[in-house]
Amino acid sequence: QAQLVESGGRLVQAGDSLRLSCEASERLFRSSAMAWFRQAPGKEREFVAGISSTGRSTDYKDALRGRFIISRDAAKNTVYLQMNSLKPEDMAVYYCAAAQAALGTPTHRNLYNFWGQGTQVAVSS
């Protein structure tokens, strides 16, 4: 049974906004820092945004700070990624990840031990 399930990816136009969701199992969600990574064709998977297990701290890829917003809803065991003013270079498969028992907001993918299947975001110019 998948512990992380992403949704929300689709084709949008440049300048549009889109919100991705990632639902986690309750036990995993409550004990984990959560993050979004993305991987474009031919590129390495990169950190996009992270949020601590308490939700008190967040971190972002510098180039996305102010345009992307990560949040979590403990009542729904769900983490969100609000993406605004989307650009063609944002096109990628977006992955949700969980770092169980992690402190703060890790940015390196090796520190995340649970991954979702990914959701495709396409941005037309």
PDB file of N, CA and C in Angstrom:
ATOM      1  N   GLN A   1       0.845  -1.180   0.000  1.00  0.00           N
ATOM      2  CA  GLN A   1       0.000   0.000   0.000  1.00  0.00           C
ATOM      3  C   GLN A   1       0.891   1.243   0.000  1.00  0.00           C
ATOM      4  N   ALA A   2       0.632   2.137  -0.977  1.00  0.00           N
ATOM      5  CA  ALA A   2       1.421   3.347  -1.089  1.00  0.00           C
ATOM      6  C   ALA A   2       1.215   4.213   0.131  1.00  0.00           C
ATOM      7  N   GLN A   3       2.317   4.775   0.644  1.00  0.00           N
ATOM      8  CA  GLN A   3       2.212   5.628   1.819  1.00  0.00           C
ATOM      9  C   GLN A   3       2.128   7.099   1.449  1.00  0.00           C
ATOM     10  N   LEU A   4       2.536   7.430   0.231  1.00  0.00           N
ATOM     11  CA  LEU A   4       2.462   8.805  -0.253  1.00  0.00           C
ATOM     12  C   LEU A   4       1.792   8.784  -1.623  1.00  0.00           C
ATOM     13  N   VAL A   5       0.743   9.553  -1.771  1.00  0.00           N
ATOM     14  CA  VAL A   5       0.020   9.602  -3.041  1.00  0.00           C
ATOM     15  C   VAL A   5      -0.143  11.050  -3.463  1.00  0.00           C
ATOM     16  N   GLU A   6       0.509  11.402  -4.592  1.00  0.00           N
ATOM     17  CA  GLU A   6       0.426  12.771  -5.089  1.00  0.00           C
ATOM     18  C   GLU A   6      -0.755  12.908  -6.047  1.00  0.00           C
ATOM     19  N   SER A   7      -1.216  14.134  -6.191  1.00  0.00           N
ATOM     20  CA  SER A   7      -2.241  14.446  -7.177  1.00  0.00           C
ATOM     21  C   SER A   7      -2.163  15.925  -7.517  1.00  0.00           C
ATOM     22  N   GLY A   8      -2.817  16.295  -8.616  1.00  0.00           N
ATOM     23  CA  GLY A   8      -2.923  17.702  -8.976  1.00  0.00           C
ATOM     24  C   GLY A   8      -2.133  18.117 -10.202  1.00  0.00           C
ATOM     25  N   GLY A   9      -1.224  17.287 -10.647  1.00  0.00           N
ATOM     26  CA  GLY A   9      -0.443  17.662 -11.813  1.00  0.00           C
ATOM     27  C   GLY A   9      -1.282  17.636 -13.083  1.00  0.00           C
ATOM     28  N   ARG A  10      -1.025  18.603 -13.951  1.00  0.00           N
ATOM     29  CA  ARG A  10      -1.746  18.672 -15.231  1.00  0.00           C
ATOM     30  C   ARG A  10      -1.065  19.680 -16.135  1.00  0.00           C
ATOM     31  N   LEU A  11      -1.595  19.866 -17.319  1.00  0.00           N
ATOM     32  CA  LEU A  11      -1.101  20.850 -18.273  1.00  0.00           C
ATOM     33  C   LEU A  11      -1.724  22.203 -17.965  1.00  0.00           C
ATOM     34  N   VAL A  12      -0.865  23.218 -17.842  1.00  0.00           N
ATOM     35  CA  VAL A  12      -1.329  24.582 -17.608  1.00  0.00           C
ATOM     36  C   VAL A  12      -0.587  25.508 -18.555  1.00  0.00           C
ATOM     37  N   GLN A  13      -1.028  26.755 -18.612  1.00  0.00           N
ATOM     38  CA  GLN A  13      -0.346  27.753 -19.408  1.00  0.00           C
ATOM     39  C   GLN A  13       0.610  28.562 -18.540  1.00  0.00           C
ATOM     40  N   ALA A  14       1.635  29.117 -19.161  1.00  0.00           N
ATOM     41  CA  ALA A  14       2.570  29.960 -18.433  1.00  0.00           C
ATOM     42  C   ALA A  14       1.805  31.091 -17.751  1.00  0.00           C
ATOM     43  N   GLY A  15       2.152  31.344 -16.486  1.00  0.00           N
ATOM     44  CA  GLY A  15       1.474  32.368 -15.722  1.00  0.00           C
ATOM     45  C   GLY A  15       0.360  31.843 -14.842  1.00  0.00           C
ATOM     46  N   ASP A  16      -0.092  30.621 -15.094  1.00  0.00           N
ATOM     47  CA  ASP A  16      -1.156  30.017 -14.290  1.00  0.00           C
ATOM     48  C   ASP A  16      -0.625  29.583 -12.926  1.00  0.00           C
ATOM     49  N   SER A  17      -1.558  29.258 -12.043  1.00  0.00           N
ATOM     50  CA  SER A  17      -1.239  28.694 -10.739  1.00  0.00           C
ATOM     51  C   SER A  17      -1.740  27.256 -10.673  1.00  0.00           C
ATOM     52  N   LEU A  18      -1.126  26.475  -9.813  1.00  0.00           N
ATOM     53  CA  LEU A  18      -1.501  25.070  -9.675  1.00  0.00           C
ATOM     54  C   LEU A  18      -1.150  24.637  -8.258  1.00  0.00           C
ATOM     55  N   ARG A  19      -2.010  23.793  -7.674  1.00  0.00           N
ATOM     56  CA  ARG A  19      -1.717  23.265  -6.346  1.00  0.00           C
ATOM     57  C   ARG A  19      -1.603  21.749  -6.415  1.00  0.00           C
ATOM     58  N   LEU A  20      -0.487  21.248  -5.951  1.00  0.00           N
ATOM     59  CA  LEU A  20      -0.274  19.806  -5.839  1.00  0.00           C
ATOM     60  C   LEU A  20      -0.605  19.358  -4.421  1.00  0.00           C
ATOM     61  N   SER A  21      -1.095  18.143  -4.316  1.00  0.00           N
ATOM     62  CA  SER A  21      -1.413  17.556  -3.016  1.00  0.00           C
ATOM     63  C   SER A  21      -0.689  16.240  -2.861  1.00  0.00           C
ATOM     64  N   CYS A  22      -0.368  15.908  -1.623  1.00  0.00           N
ATOM     65  CA  CYS A  22       0.253  14.628  -1.315  1.00  0.00           C
ATOM     66  C   CYS A  22      -0.352  14.117  -0.017  1.00  0.00           C
ATOM     67  N   GLU A  23      -1.100  13.044  -0.122  1.00  0.00           N
ATOM     68  CA  GLU A  23      -1.713  12.454   1.062  1.00  0.00           C
ATOM     69  C   GLU A  23      -0.815  11.332   1.574  1.00  0.00           C
ATOM     70  N   ALA A  24      -0.600  11.361   2.874  1.00  0.00           N
ATOM     71  CA  ALA A  24       0.279  10.370   3.500  1.00  0.00           C
ATOM     72  C   ALA A  24      -0.505   9.539   4.505  1.00  0.00           C
ATOM     73  N   SER A  25       0.050   8.383   4.834  1.00  0.00           N
ATOM     74  CA  SER A  25      -0.530   7.623   5.932  1.00  0.00           C
ATOM     75  C   SER A  25      -0.347   8.435   7.204  1.00  0.00           C
ATOM     76  N   GLU A  26      -1.273   8.294   8.130  1.00  0.00           N
ATOM     77  CA  GLU A  26      -1.255   9.148   9.314  1.00  0.00           C
ATOM     78  C   GLU A  26       0.042   9.002  10.108  1.00  0.00           C
ATOM     79  N   ARG A  27       0.467   7.770  10.310  1.00  0.00           N
ATOM     80  CA  ARG A  27       1.661   7.546  11.115  1.00  0.00           C
ATOM     81  C   ARG A  27       2.893   8.186  10.477  1.00  0.00           C
ATOM     82  N   LEU A  28       3.000   8.055   9.180  1.00  0.00           N
ATOM     83  CA  LEU A  28       4.155   8.628   8.489  1.00  0.00           C
ATOM     84  C   LEU A  28       4.098  10.152   8.524  1.00  0.00           C
ATOM     85  N   PHE A  29       2.913  10.681   8.274  1.00  0.00           N
ATOM     86  CA  PHE A  29       2.760  12.129   8.200  1.00  0.00           C
ATOM     87  C   PHE A  29       3.134  12.793   9.521  1.00  0.00           C
ATOM     88  N   ARG A  30       2.678  12.237  10.601  1.00  0.00           N
ATOM     89  CA  ARG A  30       2.882  12.891  11.909  1.00  0.00           C
ATOM     90  C   ARG A  30       4.328  12.853  12.379  1.00  0.00           C
ATOM     91  N   SER A  31       5.114  11.947  11.862  1.00  0.00           N
ATOM     92  CA  SER A  31       6.487  11.791  12.341  1.00  0.00           C
ATOM     93  C   SER A  31       7.523  12.284  11.347  1.00  0.00           C
ATOM     94  N   SER A  32       7.086  12.911  10.257  1.00  0.00           N
ATOM     95  CA  SER A  32       8.025  13.185   9.171  1.00  0.00           C
ATOM     96  C   SER A  32       8.079  14.642   8.744  1.00  0.00           C
ATOM     97  N   ALA A  33       9.292  15.064   8.398  1.00  0.00           N
ATOM     98  CA  ALA A  33       9.429  16.259   7.578  1.00  0.00           C
ATOM     99  C   ALA A  33       8.979  15.866   6.173  1.00  0.00           C
ATOM    100  N   MET A  34       8.331  16.773   5.486  1.00  0.00           N
ATOM    101  CA  MET A  34       7.814  16.483   4.150  1.00  0.00           C
ATOM    102  C   MET A  34       8.435  17.445   3.145  1.00  0.00           C
ATOM    103  N   ALA A  35       8.526  17.010   1.925  1.00  0.00           N
ATOM    104  CA  ALA A  35       9.134  17.866   0.908  1.00  0.00           C
ATOM    105  C   ALA A  35       8.586  17.537  -0.472  1.00  0.00           C
ATOM    106  N   TRP A  36       8.810  18.472  -1.366  1.00  0.00           N
ATOM    107  CA  TRP A  36       8.554  18.278  -2.787  1.00  0.00           C
ATOM    108  C   TRP A  36       9.885  18.376  -3.526  1.00  0.00           C
ATOM    109  N   PHE A  37      10.096  17.426  -4.408  1.00  0.00           N
ATOM    110  CA  PHE A  37      11.223  17.445  -5.327  1.00  0.00           C
ATOM    111  C   PHE A  37      10.641  17.438  -6.741  1.00  0.00           C
ATOM    112  N   ARG A  38      11.480  17.756  -7.713  1.00  0.00           N
ATOM    113  CA  ARG A  38      11.034  17.660  -9.094  1.00  0.00           C
ATOM    114  C   ARG A  38      12.176  17.175  -9.974  1.00  0.00           C
ATOM    115  N   GLN A  39      11.787  16.541 -11.055  1.00  0.00           N
ATOM    116  CA  GLN A  39      12.773  16.032 -11.989  1.00  0.00           C
ATOM    117  C   GLN A  39      12.300  16.286 -13.407  1.00  0.00           C
ATOM    118  N   ALA A  40      13.070  17.087 -14.128  1.00  0.00           N
ATOM    119  CA  ALA A  40      12.794  17.360 -15.535  1.00  0.00           C
ATOM    120  C   ALA A  40      13.563  16.341 -16.383  1.00  0.00           C
ATOM    121  N   PRO A  41      13.140  16.109 -17.614  1.00  0.00           N
ATOM    122  CA  PRO A  41      13.837  15.140 -18.478  1.00  0.00           C
ATOM    123  C   PRO A  41      15.315  15.467 -18.623  1.00  0.00           C
ATOM    124  N   GLY A  42      16.147  14.484 -18.396  1.00  0.00           N
ATOM    125  CA  GLY A  42      17.582  14.661 -18.556  1.00  0.00           C
ATOM    126  C   GLY A  42      18.267  15.388 -17.416  1.00  0.00           C
ATOM    127  N   LYS A  43      17.526  15.690 -16.368  1.00  0.00           N
ATOM    128  CA  LYS A  43      18.101  16.412 -15.235  1.00  0.00           C
ATOM    129  C   LYS A  43      17.967  15.598 -13.951  1.00  0.00           C
ATOM    130  N   GLU A  44      18.768  15.960 -12.963  1.00  0.00           N
ATOM    131  CA  GLU A  44      18.688  15.286 -11.683  1.00  0.00           C
ATOM    132  C   GLU A  44      17.463  15.769 -10.906  1.00  0.00           C
ATOM    133  N   ARG A  45      17.035  14.906 -10.002  1.00  0.00           N
ATOM    134  CA  ARG A  45      15.931  15.292  -9.131  1.00  0.00           C
ATOM    135  C   ARG A  45      16.425  16.382  -8.173  1.00  0.00           C
ATOM    136  N   GLU A  46      15.648  17.453  -8.066  1.00  0.00           N
ATOM    137  CA  GLU A  46      16.086  18.580  -7.248  1.00  0.00           C
ATOM    138  C   GLU A  46      15.051  18.932  -6.187  1.00  0.00           C
ATOM    139  N   PHE A  47      15.561  19.460  -5.092  1.00  0.00           N
ATOM    140  CA  PHE A  47      14.722  19.925  -3.990  1.00  0.00           C
ATOM    141  C   PHE A  47      13.934  21.151  -4.421  1.00  0.00           C
ATOM    142  N   VAL A  48      12.650  21.162  -4.107  1.00  0.00           N
ATOM    143  CA  VAL A  48      11.796  22.304  -4.420  1.00  0.00           C
ATOM    144  C   VAL A  48      11.415  23.045  -3.137  1.00  0.00           C
ATOM    145  N   ALA A  49      10.850  22.319  -2.191  1.00  0.00           N
ATOM    146  CA  ALA A  49      10.399  22.930  -0.947  1.00  0.00           C
ATOM    147  C   ALA A  49      10.245  21.855   0.114  1.00  0.00           C
ATOM    148  N   GLY A  50      10.437  22.262   1.377  1.00  0.00           N
ATOM    149  CA  GLY A  50      10.290  21.318   2.477  1.00  0.00           C
ATOM    150  C   GLY A  50       9.612  21.983   3.655  1.00  0.00           C
ATOM    151  N   ILE A  51       9.013  21.163   4.504  1.00  0.00           N
ATOM    152  CA  ILE A  51       8.333  21.661   5.690  1.00  0.00           C
ATOM    153  C   ILE A  51       8.587  20.675   6.825  1.00  0.00           C
ATOM    154  N   SER A  52       8.853  21.217   8.009  1.00  0.00           N
ATOM    155  CA  SER A  52       9.174  20.357   9.143  1.00  0.00           C
ATOM    156  C   SER A  52       7.939  19.579   9.601  1.00  0.00           C
ATOM    157  N   SER A  53       8.171  18.596  10.449  1.00  0.00           N
ATOM    158  CA  SER A  53       7.067  17.752  10.922  1.00  0.00           C
ATOM    159  C   SER A  53       6.026  18.550  11.703  1.00  0.00           C
ATOM    160  N   THR A  54       6.462  19.630  12.343  1.00  0.00           N
ATOM    161  CA  THR A  54       5.533  20.477  13.100  1.00  0.00           C
ATOM    162  C   THR A  54       4.878  21.532  12.227  1.00  0.00           C
ATOM    163  N   GLY A  55       5.456  21.774  11.056  1.00  0.00           N
ATOM    164  CA  GLY A  55       4.951  22.832  10.186  1.00  0.00           C
ATOM    165  C   GLY A  55       5.496  24.203  10.511  1.00  0.00           C
ATOM    166  N   ARG A  56       6.353  24.279  11.529  1.00  0.00           N
ATOM    167  CA  ARG A  56       6.838  25.586  11.974  1.00  0.00           C
ATOM    168  C   ARG A  56       7.933  26.150  11.091  1.00  0.00           C
ATOM    169  N   SER A  57       8.633  25.283  10.374  1.00  0.00           N
ATOM    170  CA  SER A  57       9.701  25.796   9.506  1.00  0.00           C
ATOM    171  C   SER A  57       9.545  25.255   8.099  1.00  0.00           C
ATOM    172  N   THR A  58       9.932  26.091   7.146  1.00  0.00           N
ATOM    173  CA  THR A  58       9.893  25.727   5.730  1.00  0.00           C
ATOM    174  C   THR A  58      11.202  26.141   5.076  1.00  0.00           C
ATOM    175  N   ASP A  59      11.468  25.545   3.945  1.00  0.00           N
ATOM    176  CA  ASP A  59      12.652  25.901   3.177  1.00  0.00           C
ATOM    177  C   ASP A  59      12.326  25.741   1.702  1.00  0.00           C
ATOM    178  N   TYR A  60      13.020  26.501   0.865  1.00  0.00           N
ATOM    179  CA  TYR A  60      12.735  26.488  -0.565  1.00  0.00           C
ATOM    180  C   TYR A  60      14.023  26.540  -1.369  1.00  0.00           C
ATOM    181  N   LYS A  61      13.961  25.994  -2.560  1.00  0.00           N
ATOM    182  CA  LYS A  61      15.006  26.264  -3.548  1.00  0.00           C
ATOM    183  C   LYS A  61      15.000  27.780  -3.733  1.00  0.00           C
ATOM    184  N   ASP A  62      16.180  28.365  -3.683  1.00  0.00           N
ATOM    185  CA  ASP A  62      16.263  29.830  -3.693  1.00  0.00           C
ATOM    186  C   ASP A  62      15.499  30.459  -4.860  1.00  0.00           C
ATOM    187  N   ALA A  63      15.610  29.883  -6.022  1.00  0.00           N
ATOM    188  CA  ALA A  63      15.005  30.477  -7.214  1.00  0.00           C
ATOM    189  C   ALA A  63      13.478  30.417  -7.187  1.00  0.00           C
ATOM    190  N   LEU A  64      12.911  29.579  -6.288  1.00  0.00           N
ATOM    191  CA  LEU A  64      11.459  29.419  -6.241  1.00  0.00           C
ATOM    192  C   LEU A  64      10.828  30.127  -5.052  1.00  0.00           C
ATOM    193  N   ARG A  65      11.661  30.610  -4.171  1.00  0.00           N
ATOM    194  CA  ARG A  65      11.155  31.282  -2.970  1.00  0.00           C
ATOM    195  C   ARG A  65      10.302  32.482  -3.371  1.00  0.00           C
ATOM    196  N   GLY A  66       9.117  32.553  -2.782  1.00  0.00           N
ATOM    197  CA  GLY A  66       8.202  33.647  -3.091  1.00  0.00           C
ATOM    198  C   GLY A  66       7.195  33.309  -4.181  1.00  0.00           C
ATOM    199  N   ARG A  67       7.489  32.306  -4.957  1.00  0.00           N
ATOM    200  CA  ARG A  67       6.567  31.897  -6.021  1.00  0.00           C
ATOM    201  C   ARG A  67       5.879  30.572  -5.682  1.00  0.00           C
ATOM    202  N   PHE A  68       6.579  29.716  -4.962  1.00  0.00           N
ATOM    203  CA  PHE A  68       6.021  28.432  -4.523  1.00  0.00           C
ATOM    204  C   PHE A  68       5.815  28.485  -3.008  1.00  0.00           C
ATOM    205  N   ILE A  69       4.762  27.845  -2.541  1.00  0.00           N
ATOM    206  CA  ILE A  69       4.468  27.814  -1.110  1.00  0.00           C
ATOM    207  C   ILE A  69       4.112  26.392  -0.701  1.00  0.00           C
ATOM    208  N   ILE A  70       4.812  25.884   0.319  1.00  0.00           N
ATOM    209  CA  ILE A  70       4.521  24.553   0.843  1.00  0.00           C
ATOM    210  C   ILE A  70       3.741  24.702   2.145  1.00  0.00           C
ATOM    211  N   SER A  71       2.797  23.804   2.360  1.00  0.00           N
ATOM    212  CA  SER A  71       2.029  23.827   3.600  1.00  0.00           C
ATOM    213  C   SER A  71       1.600  22.396   3.921  1.00  0.00           C
ATOM    214  N   ARG A  72       1.150  22.186   5.154  1.00  0.00           N
ATOM    215  CA  ARG A  72       0.670  20.870   5.541  1.00  0.00           C
ATOM    216  C   ARG A  72      -0.575  21.010   6.398  1.00  0.00           C
ATOM    217  N   ASP A  73      -1.466  20.035   6.254  1.00  0.00           N
ATOM    218  CA  ASP A  73      -2.723  20.011   6.978  1.00  0.00           C
ATOM    219  C   ASP A  73      -2.768  18.726   7.785  1.00  0.00           C
ATOM    220  N   ALA A  74      -2.595  18.852   9.097  1.00  0.00           N
ATOM    221  CA  ALA A  74      -2.537  17.670   9.952  1.00  0.00           C
ATOM    222  C   ALA A  74      -3.876  16.929  10.007  1.00  0.00           C
ATOM    223  N   ALA A  75      -4.956  17.642   9.833  1.00  0.00           N
ATOM    224  CA  ALA A  75      -6.279  17.001   9.884  1.00  0.00           C
ATOM    225  C   ALA A  75      -6.510  16.081   8.686  1.00  0.00           C
ATOM    226  N   LYS A  76      -5.800  16.386   7.584  1.00  0.00           N
ATOM    227  CA  LYS A  76      -5.976  15.598   6.358  1.00  0.00           C
ATOM    228  C   LYS A  76      -4.747  14.778   6.007  1.00  0.00           C
ATOM    229  N   ASN A  77      -3.716  14.838   6.844  1.00  0.00           N
ATOM    230  CA  ASN A  77      -2.466  14.120   6.561  1.00  0.00           C
ATOM    231  C   ASN A  77      -1.955  14.430   5.166  1.00  0.00           C
ATOM    232  N   THR A  78      -2.027  15.688   4.810  1.00  0.00           N
ATOM    233  CA  THR A  78      -1.733  16.102   3.440  1.00  0.00           C
ATOM    234  C   THR A  78      -0.770  17.274   3.426  1.00  0.00           C
ATOM    235  N   VAL A  79       0.163  17.232   2.505  1.00  0.00           N
ATOM    236  CA  VAL A  79       1.064  18.351   2.268  1.00  0.00           C
ATOM    237  C   VAL A  79       0.749  18.902   0.884  1.00  0.00           C
ATOM    238  N   TYR A  80       0.823  20.209   0.763  1.00  0.00           N
ATOM    239  CA  TYR A  80       0.471  20.898  -0.472  1.00  0.00           C
ATOM    240  C   TYR A  80       1.666  21.671  -1.021  1.00  0.00           C
ATOM    241  N   LEU A  81       1.658  21.872  -2.318  1.00  0.00           N
ATOM    242  CA  LEU A  81       2.605  22.773  -2.954  1.00  0.00           C
ATOM    243  C   LEU A  81       1.803  23.707  -3.860  1.00  0.00           C
ATOM    244  N   GLN A  82       1.705  24.942  -3.445  1.00  0.00           N
ATOM    245  CA  GLN A  82       1.047  25.960  -4.246  1.00  0.00           C
ATOM    246  C   GLN A  82       2.086  26.580  -5.167  1.00  0.00           C
ATOM    247  N   MET A  83       1.848  26.496  -6.461  1.00  0.00           N
ATOM    248  CA  MET A  83       2.794  27.011  -7.441  1.00  0.00           C
ATOM    249  C   MET A  83       2.122  28.145  -8.212  1.00  0.00           C
ATOM    250  N   ASN A  84       2.726  29.303  -8.166  1.00  0.00           N
ATOM    251  CA  ASN A  84       2.169  30.483  -8.821  1.00  0.00           C
ATOM    252  C   ASN A  84       3.065  30.956  -9.957  1.00  0.00           C
ATOM    253  N   SER A  85       2.465  31.694 -10.874  1.00  0.00           N
ATOM    254  CA  SER A  85       3.212  32.263 -12.013  1.00  0.00           C
ATOM    255  C   SER A  85       4.099  31.209 -12.664  1.00  0.00           C
ATOM    256  N   LEU A  86       3.504  30.085 -13.019  1.00  0.00           N
ATOM    257  CA  LEU A  86       4.271  28.975 -13.556  1.00  0.00           C
ATOM    258  C   LEU A  86       4.961  29.342 -14.863  1.00  0.00           C
ATOM    259  N   LYS A  87       6.154  28.787 -15.031  1.00  0.00           N
ATOM    260  CA  LYS A  87       6.977  29.035 -16.208  1.00  0.00           C
ATOM    261  C   LYS A  87       7.243  27.708 -16.922  1.00  0.00           C
ATOM    262  N   PRO A  88       7.574  27.750 -18.184  1.00  0.00           N
ATOM    263  CA  PRO A  88       7.894  26.500 -18.890  1.00  0.00           C
ATOM    264  C   PRO A  88       9.007  25.705 -18.211  1.00  0.00           C
ATOM    265  N   GLU A  89       9.942  26.393 -17.580  1.00  0.00           N
ATOM    266  CA  GLU A  89      11.048  25.688 -16.912  1.00  0.00           C
ATOM    267  C   GLU A  89      10.609  24.983 -15.627  1.00  0.00           C
ATOM    268  N   ASP A  90       9.383  25.207 -15.181  1.00  0.00           N
ATOM    269  CA  ASP A  90       8.842  24.482 -14.028  1.00  0.00           C
ATOM    270  C   ASP A  90       8.308  23.105 -14.427  1.00  0.00           C
ATOM    271  N   MET A  91       8.267  22.844 -15.699  1.00  0.00           N
ATOM    272  CA  MET A  91       7.725  21.571 -16.181  1.00  0.00           C
ATOM    273  C   MET A  91       8.618  20.421 -15.738  1.00  0.00           C
ATOM    274  N   ALA A  92       8.018  19.442 -15.055  1.00  0.00           N
ATOM    275  CA  ALA A  92       8.763  18.319 -14.495  1.00  0.00           C
ATOM    276  C   ALA A  92       7.771  17.342 -13.871  1.00  0.00           C
ATOM    277  N   VAL A  93       8.304  16.199 -13.464  1.00  0.00           N
ATOM    278  CA  VAL A  93       7.553  15.317 -12.589  1.00  0.00           C
ATOM    279  C   VAL A  93       7.846  15.754 -11.164  1.00  0.00           C
ATOM    280  N   TYR A  94       6.801  15.999 -10.407  1.00  0.00           N
ATOM    281  CA  TYR A  94       6.941  16.450  -9.028  1.00  0.00           C
ATOM    282  C   TYR A  94       6.695  15.275  -8.087  1.00  0.00           C
ATOM    283  N   TYR A  95       7.619  15.098  -7.157  1.00  0.00           N
ATOM    284  CA  TYR A  95       7.559  13.991  -6.225  1.00  0.00           C
ATOM    285  C   TYR A  95       7.402  14.507  -4.791  1.00  0.00           C
ATOM    286  N   CYS A  96       6.545  13.855  -4.048  1.00  0.00           N
ATOM    287  CA  CYS A  96       6.401  14.093  -2.624  1.00  0.00           C
ATOM    288  C   CYS A  96       7.329  13.123  -1.896  1.00  0.00           C
ATOM    289  N   ALA A  97       7.920  13.587  -0.805  1.00  0.00           N
ATOM    290  CA  ALA A  97       8.839  12.736  -0.055  1.00  0.00           C
ATOM    291  C   ALA A  97       8.681  12.981   1.440  1.00  0.00           C
ATOM    292  N   ALA A  98       8.988  11.958   2.207  1.00  0.00           N
ATOM    293  CA  ALA A  98       8.918  12.044   3.658  1.00  0.00           C
ATOM    294  C   ALA A  98      10.234  11.597   4.274  1.00  0.00           C
ATOM    295  N   ALA A  99      10.695  12.368   5.247  1.00  0.00           N
ATOM    296  CA  ALA A  99      11.902  12.024   5.997  1.00  0.00           C
ATOM    297  C   ALA A  99      11.465  11.736   7.431  1.00  0.00           C
ATOM    298  N   GLN A 100      11.313  10.456   7.716  1.00  0.00           N
ATOM    299  CA  GLN A 100      10.773  10.079   9.011  1.00  0.00           C
ATOM    300  C   GLN A 100      11.737  10.420  10.133  1.00  0.00           C
ATOM    301  N   ALA A 101      11.212  11.049  11.169  1.00  0.00           N
ATOM    302  CA  ALA A 101      11.967  11.434  12.371  1.00  0.00           C
ATOM    303  C   ALA A 101      13.024  12.483  12.104  1.00  0.00           C
ATOM    304  N   ALA A 102      12.962  13.160  10.965  1.00  0.00           N
ATOM    305  CA  ALA A 102      13.955  14.190  10.655  1.00  0.00           C
ATOM    306  C   ALA A 102      13.667  15.472  11.433  1.00  0.00           C
ATOM    307  N   LEU A 103      14.742  16.156  11.765  1.00  0.00           N
ATOM    308  CA  LEU A 103      14.618  17.472  12.386  1.00  0.00           C
ATOM    309  C   LEU A 103      14.671  18.540  11.292  1.00  0.00           C
ATOM    310  N   GLY A 104      13.884  19.591  11.459  1.00  0.00           N
ATOM    311  CA  GLY A 104      13.928  20.676  10.501  1.00  0.00           C
ATOM    312  C   GLY A 104      13.423  20.283   9.126  1.00  0.00           C
ATOM    313  N   THR A 105      14.046  20.838   8.107  1.00  0.00           N
ATOM    314  CA  THR A 105      13.624  20.617   6.729  1.00  0.00           C
ATOM    315  C   THR A 105      14.830  20.199   5.889  1.00  0.00           C
ATOM    316  N   PRO A 106      15.136  18.911   5.847  1.00  0.00           N
ATOM    317  CA  PRO A 106      16.272  18.456   5.032  1.00  0.00           C
ATOM    318  C   PRO A 106      16.076  18.813   3.562  1.00  0.00           C
ATOM    319  N   THR A 107      17.163  19.114   2.890  1.00  0.00           N
ATOM    320  CA  THR A 107      17.073  19.461   1.477  1.00  0.00           C
ATOM    321  C   THR A 107      17.674  18.396   0.562  1.00  0.00           C
ATOM    322  N   HIS A 108      18.443  17.470   1.119  1.00  0.00           N
ATOM    323  CA  HIS A 108      19.088  16.465   0.280  1.00  0.00           C
ATOM    324  C   HIS A 108      18.184  15.260   0.128  1.00  0.00           C
ATOM    325  N   ARG A 109      18.046  14.790  -1.077  1.00  0.00           N
ATOM    326  CA  ARG A 109      17.097  13.710  -1.345  1.00  0.00           C
ATOM    327  C   ARG A 109      17.476  12.414  -0.625  1.00  0.00           C
ATOM    328  N   ASN A 110      18.733  12.212  -0.339  1.00  0.00           N
ATOM    329  CA  ASN A 110      19.151  10.981   0.342  1.00  0.00           C
ATOM    330  C   ASN A 110      18.613  10.884   1.768  1.00  0.00           C
ATOM    331  N   LEU A 111      18.153  11.996   2.314  1.00  0.00           N
ATOM    332  CA  LEU A 111      17.631  12.011   3.672  1.00  0.00           C
ATOM    333  C   LEU A 111      16.145  11.664   3.718  1.00  0.00           C
ATOM    334  N   TYR A 112      15.548  11.510   2.545  1.00  0.00           N
ATOM    335  CA  TYR A 112      14.129  11.164   2.480  1.00  0.00           C
ATOM    336  C   TYR A 112      13.989   9.675   2.174  1.00  0.00           C
ATOM    337  N   ASN A 113      13.235   8.973   3.010  1.00  0.00           N
ATOM    338  CA  ASN A 113      13.167   7.521   2.866  1.00  0.00           C
ATOM    339  C   ASN A 113      11.833   7.010   2.351  1.00  0.00           C
ATOM    340  N   PHE A 114      10.889   7.907   2.093  1.00  0.00           N
ATOM    341  CA  PHE A 114       9.629   7.508   1.480  1.00  0.00           C
ATOM    342  C   PHE A 114       9.327   8.472   0.338  1.00  0.00           C
ATOM    343  N   TRP A 115       8.870   7.897  -0.769  1.00  0.00           N
ATOM    344  CA  TRP A 115       8.607   8.698  -1.970  1.00  0.00           C
ATOM    345  C   TRP A 115       7.264   8.315  -2.576  1.00  0.00           C
ATOM    346  N   GLY A 116       6.622   9.314  -3.156  1.00  0.00           N
ATOM    347  CA  GLY A 116       5.423   9.051  -3.925  1.00  0.00           C
ATOM    348  C   GLY A 116       5.787   8.655  -5.350  1.00  0.00           C
ATOM    349  N   GLN A 117       4.760   8.401  -6.147  1.00  0.00           N
ATOM    350  CA  GLN A 117       4.970   7.932  -7.510  1.00  0.00           C
ATOM    351  C   GLN A 117       5.217   9.073  -8.488  1.00  0.00           C
ATOM    352  N   GLY A 118       4.957  10.278  -8.078  1.00  0.00           N
ATOM    353  CA  GLY A 118       5.172  11.443  -8.934  1.00  0.00           C
ATOM    354  C   GLY A 118       3.915  11.881  -9.655  1.00  0.00           C
ATOM    355  N   THR A 119       3.842  13.172  -9.934  1.00  0.00           N
ATOM    356  CA  THR A 119       2.729  13.730 -10.696  1.00  0.00           C
ATOM    357  C   THR A 119       3.310  14.718 -11.708  1.00  0.00           C
ATOM    358  N   GLN A 120       2.853  14.620 -12.951  1.00  0.00           N
ATOM    359  CA  GLN A 120       3.432  15.398 -14.043  1.00  0.00           C
ATOM    360  C   GLN A 120       2.819  16.799 -14.093  1.00  0.00           C
ATOM    361  N   VAL A 121       3.702  17.784 -14.158  1.00  0.00           N
ATOM    362  CA  VAL A 121       3.275  19.167 -14.379  1.00  0.00           C
ATOM    363  C   VAL A 121       3.847  19.614 -15.716  1.00  0.00           C
ATOM    364  N   ALA A 122       2.978  20.041 -16.617  1.00  0.00           N
ATOM    365  CA  ALA A 122       3.401  20.530 -17.918  1.00  0.00           C
ATOM    366  C   ALA A 122       2.972  21.988 -18.050  1.00  0.00           C
ATOM    367  N   VAL A 123       3.853  22.828 -18.567  1.00  0.00           N
ATOM    368  CA  VAL A 123       3.572  24.252 -18.694  1.00  0.00           C
ATOM    369  C   VAL A 123       3.804  24.666 -20.136  1.00  0.00           C
ATOM    370  N   SER A 124       2.763  25.134 -20.784  1.00  0.00           N
ATOM    371  CA  SER A 124       2.884  25.574 -22.169  1.00  0.00           C
ATOM    372  C   SER A 124       3.151  27.070 -22.209  1.00  0.00           C
ATOM    373  N   SER A 125       3.968  27.486 -23.152  1.00  0.00           N
ATOM    374  CA  SER A 125       4.330  28.904 -23.250  1.00  0.00           C
ATOM    375  C   SER A 125       3.362  29.651 -24.160  1.00  0.00           C
TER     376      SER A 125
END
